[in-house]
């Protein structure tokens, strides 16, 4: 599962006030809605972290010599792109309100 950069750019990085009743109405329970959003935020965070580490590993040198550390403009630009992305919690909230998250309740027996 790869994160589409255009989708991430569409999410407003600024925090917005949300209507608690609207959050509750999505699942019928406010706390269930928050759990759904938080689990999705964790998924997004893990994917972003793995993707960032994979990209930055291309630039890493495996030598233990501190004198060889130098500035790499491509590496800095990649880091800046990920810093500018919206917080995973904001992304998951946006997906939740746009009905892009599939969730289900476990069957109770």
C-alpha atoms as a PDB file:
ATOM      1  CA  UNK A   1       0.000   0.000   0.000  1.00  0.00           C
ATOM      2  CA  UNK A   2       1.692   3.164  -1.185  1.00  0.00           C
ATOM      3  CA  UNK A   3       0.619   6.625  -0.200  1.00  0.00           C
ATOM      4  CA  UNK A   4      -0.453   8.803  -3.096  1.00  0.00           C
ATOM      5  CA  UNK A   5       1.279  12.169  -2.781  1.00  0.00           C
ATOM      6  CA  UNK A   6      -1.553  14.034  -4.530  1.00  0.00           C
ATOM      7  CA  UNK A   7      -3.999  12.724  -1.945  1.00  0.00           C
ATOM      8  CA  UNK A   8      -1.692  13.803   0.875  1.00  0.00           C
ATOM      9  CA  UNK A   9      -1.283  17.239  -0.639  1.00  0.00           C
ATOM     10  CA  UNK A  10      -5.071  17.610  -0.742  1.00  0.00           C
ATOM     11  CA  UNK A  11      -5.332  17.274   3.041  1.00  0.00           C
ATOM     12  CA  UNK A  12      -5.176  20.623   4.772  1.00  0.00           C
ATOM     13  CA  UNK A  13      -2.230  20.525   7.203  1.00  0.00           C
ATOM     14  CA  UNK A  14      -4.010  22.922   9.536  1.00  0.00           C
ATOM     15  CA  UNK A  15      -6.076  21.584  12.414  1.00  0.00           C
ATOM     16  CA  UNK A  16      -9.801  22.209  12.076  1.00  0.00           C
ATOM     17  CA  UNK A  17     -12.493  22.098  14.699  1.00  0.00           C
ATOM     18  CA  UNK A  18     -14.819  19.153  14.107  1.00  0.00           C
ATOM     19  CA  UNK A  19     -18.417  18.684  15.151  1.00  0.00           C
ATOM     20  CA  UNK A  20     -18.582  15.983  17.820  1.00  0.00           C
ATOM     21  CA  UNK A  21     -22.119  15.045  16.814  1.00  0.00           C
ATOM     22  CA  UNK A  22     -21.024  14.517  13.200  1.00  0.00           C
ATOM     23  CA  UNK A  23     -18.211  12.259  14.395  1.00  0.00           C
ATOM     24  CA  UNK A  24     -20.657  10.307  16.563  1.00  0.00           C
ATOM     25  CA  UNK A  25     -23.194   9.930  13.759  1.00  0.00           C
ATOM     26  CA  UNK A  26     -20.725   8.110  11.495  1.00  0.00           C
ATOM     27  CA  UNK A  27     -20.620   4.968  13.675  1.00  0.00           C
ATOM     28  CA  UNK A  28     -23.284   5.639  16.271  1.00  0.00           C
ATOM     29  CA  UNK A  29     -20.715   6.006  19.039  1.00  0.00           C
ATOM     30  CA  UNK A  30     -18.196   8.810  19.469  1.00  0.00           C
ATOM     31  CA  UNK A  31     -15.539   6.548  20.954  1.00  0.00           C
ATOM     32  CA  UNK A  32     -15.863   3.967  18.174  1.00  0.00           C
ATOM     33  CA  UNK A  33     -15.370   6.736  15.617  1.00  0.00           C
ATOM     34  CA  UNK A  34     -12.264   7.943  17.424  1.00  0.00           C
ATOM     35  CA  UNK A  35     -10.867   4.401  17.547  1.00  0.00           C
ATOM     36  CA  UNK A  36     -11.466   3.964  13.805  1.00  0.00           C
ATOM     37  CA  UNK A  37      -9.657   7.231  13.053  1.00  0.00           C
ATOM     38  CA  UNK A  38      -6.786   6.470  15.438  1.00  0.00           C
ATOM     39  CA  UNK A  39      -6.197   2.996  13.981  1.00  0.00           C
ATOM     40  CA  UNK A  40      -6.138   4.434  10.481  1.00  0.00           C
ATOM     41  CA  UNK A  41      -3.732   7.157  11.647  1.00  0.00           C
ATOM     42  CA  UNK A  42      -1.423   4.447  13.006  1.00  0.00           C
ATOM     43  CA  UNK A  43      -1.544   2.632   9.657  1.00  0.00           C
ATOM     44  CA  UNK A  44      -0.712   5.827   7.767  1.00  0.00           C
ATOM     45  CA  UNK A  45       2.111   6.631  10.176  1.00  0.00           C
ATOM     46  CA  UNK A  46       3.703   3.190   9.764  1.00  0.00           C
ATOM     47  CA  UNK A  47       3.480   3.357   5.965  1.00  0.00           C
ATOM     48  CA  UNK A  48       4.945   6.867   5.872  1.00  0.00           C
ATOM     49  CA  UNK A  49       7.791   5.903   8.216  1.00  0.00           C
ATOM     50  CA  UNK A  50       8.664   2.789   6.186  1.00  0.00           C
ATOM     51  CA  UNK A  51       8.551   4.754   2.939  1.00  0.00           C
ATOM     52  CA  UNK A  52      10.762   7.520   4.345  1.00  0.00           C
ATOM     53  CA  UNK A  53      13.310   5.065   5.748  1.00  0.00           C
ATOM     54  CA  UNK A  54      13.397   3.180   2.449  1.00  0.00           C
ATOM     55  CA  UNK A  55      14.130   6.396   0.565  1.00  0.00           C
ATOM     56  CA  UNK A  56      16.731   7.619   3.056  1.00  0.00           C
ATOM     57  CA  UNK A  57      18.508   4.254   3.149  1.00  0.00           C
ATOM     58  CA  UNK A  58      19.613   4.895  -0.424  1.00  0.00           C
ATOM     59  CA  UNK A  59      21.774   7.747   0.877  1.00  0.00           C
ATOM     60  CA  UNK A  60      23.174   6.090   3.975  1.00  0.00           C
ATOM     61  CA  UNK A  61      26.749   4.967   4.098  1.00  0.00           C
ATOM     62  CA  UNK A  62      27.567   1.978   6.215  1.00  0.00           C
ATOM     63  CA  UNK A  63      30.999   3.242   7.231  1.00  0.00           C
ATOM     64  CA  UNK A  64      31.510   4.208  10.853  1.00  0.00           C
ATOM     65  CA  UNK A  65      33.721   7.152   9.998  1.00  0.00           C
ATOM     66  CA  UNK A  66      32.342  10.464  11.291  1.00  0.00           C
ATOM     67  CA  UNK A  67      34.542  12.443   8.918  1.00  0.00           C
ATOM     68  CA  UNK A  68      32.610  11.143   5.909  1.00  0.00           C
ATOM     69  CA  UNK A  69      29.278  12.666   6.943  1.00  0.00           C
ATOM     70  CA  UNK A  70      28.270  15.240   4.379  1.00  0.00           C
ATOM     71  CA  UNK A  71      25.219  17.123   3.284  1.00  0.00           C
ATOM     72  CA  UNK A  72      23.127  15.623   0.521  1.00  0.00           C
ATOM     73  CA  UNK A  73      20.603  18.012  -1.032  1.00  0.00           C
ATOM     74  CA  UNK A  74      18.347  15.211  -2.307  1.00  0.00           C
ATOM     75  CA  UNK A  75      18.172  13.680   1.154  1.00  0.00           C
ATOM     76  CA  UNK A  76      17.310  17.046   2.687  1.00  0.00           C
ATOM     77  CA  UNK A  77      14.579  17.628   0.089  1.00  0.00           C
ATOM     78  CA  UNK A  78      13.020  14.218   0.777  1.00  0.00           C
ATOM     79  CA  UNK A  79      12.983  14.990   4.497  1.00  0.00           C
ATOM     80  CA  UNK A  80      11.360  18.374   3.869  1.00  0.00           C
ATOM     81  CA  UNK A  81       8.636  16.791   1.724  1.00  0.00           C
ATOM     82  CA  UNK A  82       7.716  14.437   4.569  1.00  0.00           C
ATOM     83  CA  UNK A  83       7.811  17.270   7.103  1.00  0.00           C
ATOM     84  CA  UNK A  84       5.332  19.279   5.012  1.00  0.00           C
ATOM     85  CA  UNK A  85       2.840  16.401   4.806  1.00  0.00           C
ATOM     86  CA  UNK A  86      -0.233  16.565   6.962  1.00  0.00           C
ATOM     87  CA  UNK A  87      -0.202  14.770  10.283  1.00  0.00           C
ATOM     88  CA  UNK A  88      -1.476  11.149  10.014  1.00  0.00           C
ATOM     89  CA  UNK A  89      -4.273  11.993  12.459  1.00  0.00           C
ATOM     90  CA  UNK A  90      -5.464  14.793  10.172  1.00  0.00           C
ATOM     91  CA  UNK A  91      -5.234  12.503   7.155  1.00  0.00           C
ATOM     92  CA  UNK A  92      -7.263   9.778   8.868  1.00  0.00           C
ATOM     93  CA  UNK A  93      -9.881  12.301   9.994  1.00  0.00           C
ATOM     94  CA  UNK A  94     -10.197  13.565   6.442  1.00  0.00           C
ATOM     95  CA  UNK A  95     -10.532  10.006   5.119  1.00  0.00           C
ATOM     96  CA  UNK A  96     -13.114   9.217   7.805  1.00  0.00           C
ATOM     97  CA  UNK A  97     -15.322  12.147   6.857  1.00  0.00           C
ATOM     98  CA  UNK A  98     -14.915  11.399   3.132  1.00  0.00           C
ATOM     99  CA  UNK A  99     -16.042   7.774   3.746  1.00  0.00           C
ATOM    100  CA  UNK A 100     -12.733   6.379   2.486  1.00  0.00           C
ATOM    101  CA  UNK A 101     -12.183   4.154   5.537  1.00  0.00           C
ATOM    102  CA  UNK A 102     -13.737   0.709   5.659  1.00  0.00           C
ATOM    103  CA  UNK A 103     -14.457  -0.479   9.165  1.00  0.00           C
ATOM    104  CA  UNK A 104     -16.607  -3.160  10.712  1.00  0.00           C
ATOM    105  CA  UNK A 105     -17.519  -4.369  14.157  1.00  0.00           C
ATOM    106  CA  UNK A 106     -16.491  -7.792  15.350  1.00  0.00           C
ATOM    107  CA  UNK A 107     -19.402 -10.189  15.660  1.00  0.00           C
ATOM    108  CA  UNK A 108     -20.409 -10.655  19.254  1.00  0.00           C
ATOM    109  CA  UNK A 109     -21.230 -14.245  20.225  1.00  0.00           C
END
